[in-house]
């Protein structure tokens, strides 16, 4: 079930890619933290955030019940 949509998805992908890119641009500063960018990238690409159901959030307007 999808629960991520629109602006939320776009921001997740951009932030994820930026964090991952920081690993290569600033390896001495961002190396461990940059890999956290995988989480927003994957949740944006798959349109699903596992925390959203727990919090009762759904930003996918086409997917609302």
PDB file of N, CA and C in Angstrom:
ATOM      1  N   UNK A   1       0.843  -1.182   0.000  1.00  0.00           N
ATOM      2  CA  UNK A   1       0.000   0.000   0.000  1.00  0.00           C
ATOM      3  C   UNK A   1       0.887   1.244   0.000  1.00  0.00           C
ATOM      4  N   UNK A   2       0.538   2.193  -0.834  1.00  0.00           N
ATOM      5  CA  UNK A   2       1.308   3.429  -0.931  1.00  0.00           C
ATOM      6  C   UNK A   2       0.805   4.433   0.103  1.00  0.00           C
ATOM      7  N   UNK A   3       1.744   5.173   0.693  1.00  0.00           N
ATOM      8  CA  UNK A   3       1.355   6.226   1.627  1.00  0.00           C
ATOM      9  C   UNK A   3       2.236   7.471   1.498  1.00  0.00           C
ATOM     10  N   UNK A   4       3.068   7.514   0.469  1.00  0.00           N
ATOM     11  CA  UNK A   4       3.934   8.669   0.206  1.00  0.00           C
ATOM     12  C   UNK A   4       3.618   9.166  -1.200  1.00  0.00           C
ATOM     13  N   UNK A   5       3.327  10.435  -1.324  1.00  0.00           N
ATOM     14  CA  UNK A   5       3.011  10.955  -2.646  1.00  0.00           C
ATOM     15  C   UNK A   5       3.366  12.424  -2.788  1.00  0.00           C
ATOM     16  N   UNK A   6       3.313  12.904  -4.015  1.00  0.00           N
ATOM     17  CA  UNK A   6       3.490  14.317  -4.324  1.00  0.00           C
ATOM     18  C   UNK A   6       4.809  14.911  -3.888  1.00  0.00           C
ATOM     19  N   UNK A   7       4.697  16.046  -3.220  1.00  0.00           N
ATOM     20  CA  UNK A   7       5.870  16.796  -2.762  1.00  0.00           C
ATOM     21  C   UNK A   7       6.702  15.949  -1.798  1.00  0.00           C
ATOM     22  N   UNK A   8       6.040  15.179  -0.965  1.00  0.00           N
ATOM     23  CA  UNK A   8       6.730  14.309  -0.004  1.00  0.00           C
ATOM     24  C   UNK A   8       7.697  13.374  -0.728  1.00  0.00           C
ATOM     25  N   UNK A   9       7.233  12.754  -1.809  1.00  0.00           N
ATOM     26  CA  UNK A   9       8.066  11.832  -2.575  1.00  0.00           C
ATOM     27  C   UNK A   9       9.253  12.559  -3.194  1.00  0.00           C
ATOM     28  N   UNK A  10       8.999  13.701  -3.815  1.00  0.00           N
ATOM     29  CA  UNK A  10      10.064  14.468  -4.468  1.00  0.00           C
ATOM     30  C   UNK A  10      11.127  14.888  -3.459  1.00  0.00           C
ATOM     31  N   UNK A  11      10.696  15.388  -2.307  1.00  0.00           N
ATOM     32  CA  UNK A  11      11.654  15.817  -1.276  1.00  0.00           C
ATOM     33  C   UNK A  11      12.466  14.643  -0.741  1.00  0.00           C
ATOM     34  N   UNK A  12      11.826  13.506  -0.542  1.00  0.00           N
ATOM     35  CA  UNK A  12      12.554  12.324  -0.061  1.00  0.00           C
ATOM     36  C   UNK A  12      13.651  11.906  -1.033  1.00  0.00           C
ATOM     37  N   UNK A  13      13.331  11.883  -2.321  1.00  0.00           N
ATOM     38  CA  UNK A  13      14.322  11.478  -3.327  1.00  0.00           C
ATOM     39  C   UNK A  13      15.465  12.486  -3.387  1.00  0.00           C
ATOM     40  N   UNK A  14      15.146  13.780  -3.381  1.00  0.00           N
ATOM     41  CA  UNK A  14      16.187  14.816  -3.448  1.00  0.00           C
ATOM     42  C   UNK A  14      17.085  14.769  -2.213  1.00  0.00           C
ATOM     43  N   UNK A  15      16.489  14.681  -1.033  1.00  0.00           N
ATOM     44  CA  UNK A  15      17.281  14.632   0.204  1.00  0.00           C
ATOM     45  C   UNK A  15      18.129  13.359   0.240  1.00  0.00           C
ATOM     46  N   UNK A  16      17.540  12.241  -0.146  1.00  0.00           N
ATOM     47  CA  UNK A  16      18.290  10.985  -0.169  1.00  0.00           C
ATOM     48  C   UNK A  16      19.492  11.044  -1.090  1.00  0.00           C
ATOM     49  N   UNK A  17      19.275  11.547  -2.303  1.00  0.00           N
ATOM     50  CA  UNK A  17      20.384  11.659  -3.255  1.00  0.00           C
ATOM     51  C   UNK A  17      21.448  12.644  -2.770  1.00  0.00           C
ATOM     52  N   UNK A  18      21.008  13.739  -2.162  1.00  0.00           N
ATOM     53  CA  UNK A  18      21.969  14.729  -1.650  1.00  0.00           C
ATOM     54  C   UNK A  18      22.825  14.133  -0.533  1.00  0.00           C
ATOM     55  N   UNK A  19      22.217  13.396   0.368  1.00  0.00           N
ATOM     56  CA  UNK A  19      22.982  12.782   1.459  1.00  0.00           C
ATOM     57  C   UNK A  19      23.963  11.738   0.932  1.00  0.00           C
ATOM     58  N   UNK A  20      23.518  10.931  -0.017  1.00  0.00           N
ATOM     59  CA  UNK A  20      24.409   9.920  -0.590  1.00  0.00           C
ATOM     60  C   UNK A  20      25.550  10.603  -1.350  1.00  0.00           C
ATOM     61  N   UNK A  21      25.252  11.669  -2.097  1.00  0.00           N
ATOM     62  CA  UNK A  21      26.293  12.401  -2.830  1.00  0.00           C
ATOM     63  C   UNK A  21      27.304  13.019  -1.876  1.00  0.00           C
ATOM     64  N   UNK A  22      26.850  13.409  -0.685  1.00  0.00           N
ATOM     65  CA  UNK A  22      27.768  14.011   0.292  1.00  0.00           C
ATOM     66  C   UNK A  22      28.835  13.027   0.755  1.00  0.00           C
ATOM     67  N   UNK A  23      28.531  11.746   0.692  1.00  0.00           N
ATOM     68  CA  UNK A  23      29.532  10.728   1.061  1.00  0.00           C
ATOM     69  C   UNK A  23      30.738  10.825   0.141  1.00  0.00           C
ATOM     70  N   UNK A  24      30.473  11.083  -1.136  1.00  0.00           N
ATOM     71  CA  UNK A  24      31.555  11.144  -2.112  1.00  0.00           C
ATOM     72  C   UNK A  24      32.202  12.530  -2.166  1.00  0.00           C
ATOM     73  N   UNK A  25      31.424  13.572  -1.909  1.00  0.00           N
ATOM     74  CA  UNK A  25      31.937  14.935  -1.969  1.00  0.00           C
ATOM     75  C   UNK A  25      32.734  15.298  -0.714  1.00  0.00           C
ATOM     76  N   UNK A  26      32.267  14.869   0.434  1.00  0.00           N
ATOM     77  CA  UNK A  26      32.911  15.183   1.716  1.00  0.00           C
ATOM     78  C   UNK A  26      33.116  13.908   2.538  1.00  0.00           C
ATOM     79  N   UNK A  27      33.926  12.973   2.074  1.00  0.00           N
ATOM     80  CA  UNK A  27      34.024  11.675   2.747  1.00  0.00           C
ATOM     81  C   UNK A  27      34.505  11.749   4.194  1.00  0.00           C
ATOM     82  N   UNK A  28      35.368  12.709   4.509  1.00  0.00           N
ATOM     83  CA  UNK A  28      35.884  12.788   5.873  1.00  0.00           C
ATOM     84  C   UNK A  28      34.860  13.352   6.855  1.00  0.00           C
ATOM     85  N   UNK A  29      33.860  14.043   6.342  1.00  0.00           N
ATOM     86  CA  UNK A  29      32.857  14.678   7.206  1.00  0.00           C
ATOM     87  C   UNK A  29      31.555  13.890   7.236  1.00  0.00           C
ATOM     88  N   UNK A  30      31.072  13.460   6.079  1.00  0.00           N
ATOM     89  CA  UNK A  30      29.725  12.911   5.966  1.00  0.00           C
ATOM     90  C   UNK A  30      29.650  11.402   5.797  1.00  0.00           C
ATOM     91  N   UNK A  31      30.730  10.697   5.767  1.00  0.00           N
ATOM     92  CA  UNK A  31      30.698   9.287   5.412  1.00  0.00           C
ATOM     93  C   UNK A  31      29.634   8.476   6.145  1.00  0.00           C
ATOM     94  N   UNK A  32      29.629   8.414   7.473  1.00  0.00           N
ATOM     95  CA  UNK A  32      28.614   7.576   8.108  1.00  0.00           C
ATOM     96  C   UNK A  32      27.200   8.149   7.987  1.00  0.00           C
ATOM     97  N   UNK A  33      27.064   9.462   8.079  1.00  0.00           N
ATOM     98  CA  UNK A  33      25.744  10.086   8.040  1.00  0.00           C
ATOM     99  C   UNK A  33      25.164  10.102   6.634  1.00  0.00           C
ATOM    100  N   UNK A  34      25.994  10.191   5.647  1.00  0.00           N
ATOM    101  CA  UNK A  34      25.505  10.249   4.273  1.00  0.00           C
ATOM    102  C   UNK A  34      24.756   9.008   3.843  1.00  0.00           C
ATOM    103  N   UNK A  35      25.176   7.863   4.353  1.00  0.00           N
ATOM    104  CA  UNK A  35      24.512   6.618   3.964  1.00  0.00           C
ATOM    105  C   UNK A  35      23.095   6.508   4.511  1.00  0.00           C
ATOM    106  N   UNK A  36      22.758   7.345   5.464  1.00  0.00           N
ATOM    107  CA  UNK A  36      21.384   7.391   5.958  1.00  0.00           C
ATOM    108  C   UNK A  36      20.454   7.864   4.839  1.00  0.00           C
ATOM    109  N   UNK A  37      21.000   8.513   3.829  1.00  0.00           N
ATOM    110  CA  UNK A  37      20.223   8.965   2.681  1.00  0.00           C
ATOM    111  C   UNK A  37      19.540   7.838   1.932  1.00  0.00           C
ATOM    112  N   UNK A  38      19.981   6.619   2.150  1.00  0.00           N
ATOM    113  CA  UNK A  38      19.341   5.465   1.514  1.00  0.00           C
ATOM    114  C   UNK A  38      17.889   5.343   1.984  1.00  0.00           C
ATOM    115  N   UNK A  39      17.624   5.667   3.242  1.00  0.00           N
ATOM    116  CA  UNK A  39      16.271   5.520   3.798  1.00  0.00           C
ATOM    117  C   UNK A  39      15.268   6.430   3.084  1.00  0.00           C
ATOM    118  N   UNK A  40      15.484   7.761   3.029  1.00  0.00           N
ATOM    119  CA  UNK A  40      14.496   8.576   2.319  1.00  0.00           C
ATOM    120  C   UNK A  40      14.434   8.279   0.820  1.00  0.00           C
ATOM    121  N   UNK A  41      15.556   7.897   0.230  1.00  0.00           N
ATOM    122  CA  UNK A  41      15.558   7.571  -1.188  1.00  0.00           C
ATOM    123  C   UNK A  41      14.672   6.351  -1.462  1.00  0.00           C
ATOM    124  N   UNK A  42      14.854   5.305  -0.691  1.00  0.00           N
ATOM    125  CA  UNK A  42      14.070   4.077  -0.894  1.00  0.00           C
ATOM    126  C   UNK A  42      12.588   4.310  -0.587  1.00  0.00           C
ATOM    127  N   UNK A  43      12.288   5.014   0.506  1.00  0.00           N
ATOM    128  CA  UNK A  43      10.886   5.261   0.830  1.00  0.00           C
ATOM    129  C   UNK A  43      10.226   6.141  -0.229  1.00  0.00           C
ATOM    130  N   UNK A  44      10.976   7.068  -0.817  1.00  0.00           N
ATOM    131  CA  UNK A  44      10.439   7.890  -1.890  1.00  0.00           C
ATOM    132  C   UNK A  44      10.212   7.109  -3.168  1.00  0.00           C
ATOM    133  N   UNK A  45      11.143   6.238  -3.509  1.00  0.00           N
ATOM    134  CA  UNK A  45      11.021   5.448  -4.732  1.00  0.00           C
ATOM    135  C   UNK A  45       9.913   4.403  -4.647  1.00  0.00           C
ATOM    136  N   UNK A  46       9.722   3.819  -3.469  1.00  0.00           N
ATOM    137  CA  UNK A  46       8.693   2.793  -3.298  1.00  0.00           C
ATOM    138  C   UNK A  46       7.347   3.354  -2.837  1.00  0.00           C
ATOM    139  N   UNK A  47       7.289   4.669  -2.603  1.00  0.00           N
ATOM    140  CA  UNK A  47       6.045   5.327  -2.174  1.00  0.00           C
ATOM    141  C   UNK A  47       5.483   4.755  -0.879  1.00  0.00           C
ATOM    142  N   UNK A  48       6.339   4.285  -0.012  1.00  0.00           N
ATOM    143  CA  UNK A  48       5.879   3.726   1.252  1.00  0.00           C
ATOM    144  C   UNK A  48       6.852   4.070   2.370  1.00  0.00           C
ATOM    145  N   UNK A  49       6.316   4.615   3.453  1.00  0.00           N
ATOM    146  CA  UNK A  49       7.103   4.890   4.645  1.00  0.00           C
ATOM    147  C   UNK A  49       6.535   4.045   5.782  1.00  0.00           C
ATOM    148  N   UNK A  50       7.333   3.159   6.376  1.00  0.00           N
ATOM    149  CA  UNK A  50       6.817   2.281   7.423  1.00  0.00           C
ATOM    150  C   UNK A  50       6.373   3.020   8.690  1.00  0.00           C
ATOM    151  N   UNK A  51       6.838   4.232   8.908  1.00  0.00           N
ATOM    152  CA  UNK A  51       6.421   4.993  10.086  1.00  0.00           C
ATOM    153  C   UNK A  51       5.055   5.654   9.911  1.00  0.00           C
ATOM    154  N   UNK A  52       4.682   5.956   8.685  1.00  0.00           N
ATOM    155  CA  UNK A  52       3.429   6.662   8.446  1.00  0.00           C
ATOM    156  C   UNK A  52       2.195   5.930   8.989  1.00  0.00           C
ATOM    157  N   UNK A  53       2.044   4.625   8.789  1.00  0.00           N
ATOM    158  CA  UNK A  53       0.858   3.959   9.359  1.00  0.00           C
ATOM    159  C   UNK A  53       0.819   4.049  10.890  1.00  0.00           C
ATOM    160  N   UNK A  54       1.973   3.990  11.515  1.00  0.00           N
ATOM    161  CA  UNK A  54       2.025   4.085  12.971  1.00  0.00           C
ATOM    162  C   UNK A  54       1.596   5.464  13.457  1.00  0.00           C
ATOM    163  N   UNK A  55       1.885   6.488  12.637  1.00  0.00           N
ATOM    164  CA  UNK A  55       1.553   7.859  12.995  1.00  0.00           C
ATOM    165  C   UNK A  55       0.219   8.316  12.404  1.00  0.00           C
ATOM    166  N   UNK A  56      -0.407   7.462  11.602  1.00  0.00           N
ATOM    167  CA  UNK A  56      -1.676   7.811  10.986  1.00  0.00           C
ATOM    168  C   UNK A  56      -1.557   8.841   9.882  1.00  0.00           C
ATOM    169  N   UNK A  57      -0.429   8.833   9.152  1.00  0.00           N
ATOM    170  CA  UNK A  57      -0.170   9.814   8.100  1.00  0.00           C
ATOM    171  C   UNK A  57      -0.258   9.130   6.741  1.00  0.00           C
ATOM    172  N   UNK A  58      -0.812   9.844   5.760  1.00  0.00           N
ATOM    173  CA  UNK A  58      -0.844   9.371   4.381  1.00  0.00           C
ATOM    174  C   UNK A  58      -0.791  10.596   3.475  1.00  0.00           C
ATOM    175  N   UNK A  59       0.317  10.815   2.773  1.00  0.00           N
ATOM    176  CA  UNK A  59       0.453  11.993   1.911  1.00  0.00           C
ATOM    177  C   UNK A  59       0.144  11.674   0.460  1.00  0.00           C
ATOM    178  N   UNK A  60      -0.290  10.471   0.183  1.00  0.00           N
ATOM    179  CA  UNK A  60      -0.656  10.069  -1.179  1.00  0.00           C
ATOM    180  C   UNK A  60      -2.154  10.327  -1.360  1.00  0.00           C
ATOM    181  N   UNK A  61      -2.490  11.422  -2.038  1.00  0.00           N
ATOM    182  CA  UNK A  61      -3.905  11.800  -2.170  1.00  0.00           C
ATOM    183  C   UNK A  61      -4.713  10.784  -2.959  1.00  0.00           C
ATOM    184  N   UNK A  62      -4.101  10.074  -3.905  1.00  0.00           N
ATOM    185  CA  UNK A  62      -4.802   9.068  -4.686  1.00  0.00           C
ATOM    186  C   UNK A  62      -4.990   7.771  -3.907  1.00  0.00           C
ATOM    187  N   UNK A  63      -4.287   7.620  -2.777  1.00  0.00           N
ATOM    188  CA  UNK A  63      -4.277   6.365  -2.033  1.00  0.00           C
ATOM    189  C   UNK A  63      -5.086   6.425  -0.752  1.00  0.00           C
ATOM    190  N   UNK A  64      -5.753   7.501  -0.491  1.00  0.00           N
ATOM    191  CA  UNK A  64      -6.485   7.632   0.774  1.00  0.00           C
ATOM    192  C   UNK A  64      -7.673   6.683   0.789  1.00  0.00           C
ATOM    193  N   UNK A  65      -7.924   6.152   1.972  1.00  0.00           N
ATOM    194  CA  UNK A  65      -9.038   5.202   2.119  1.00  0.00           C
ATOM    195  C   UNK A  65     -10.369   5.886   2.126  1.00  0.00           C
TER     196      UNK A  65
END
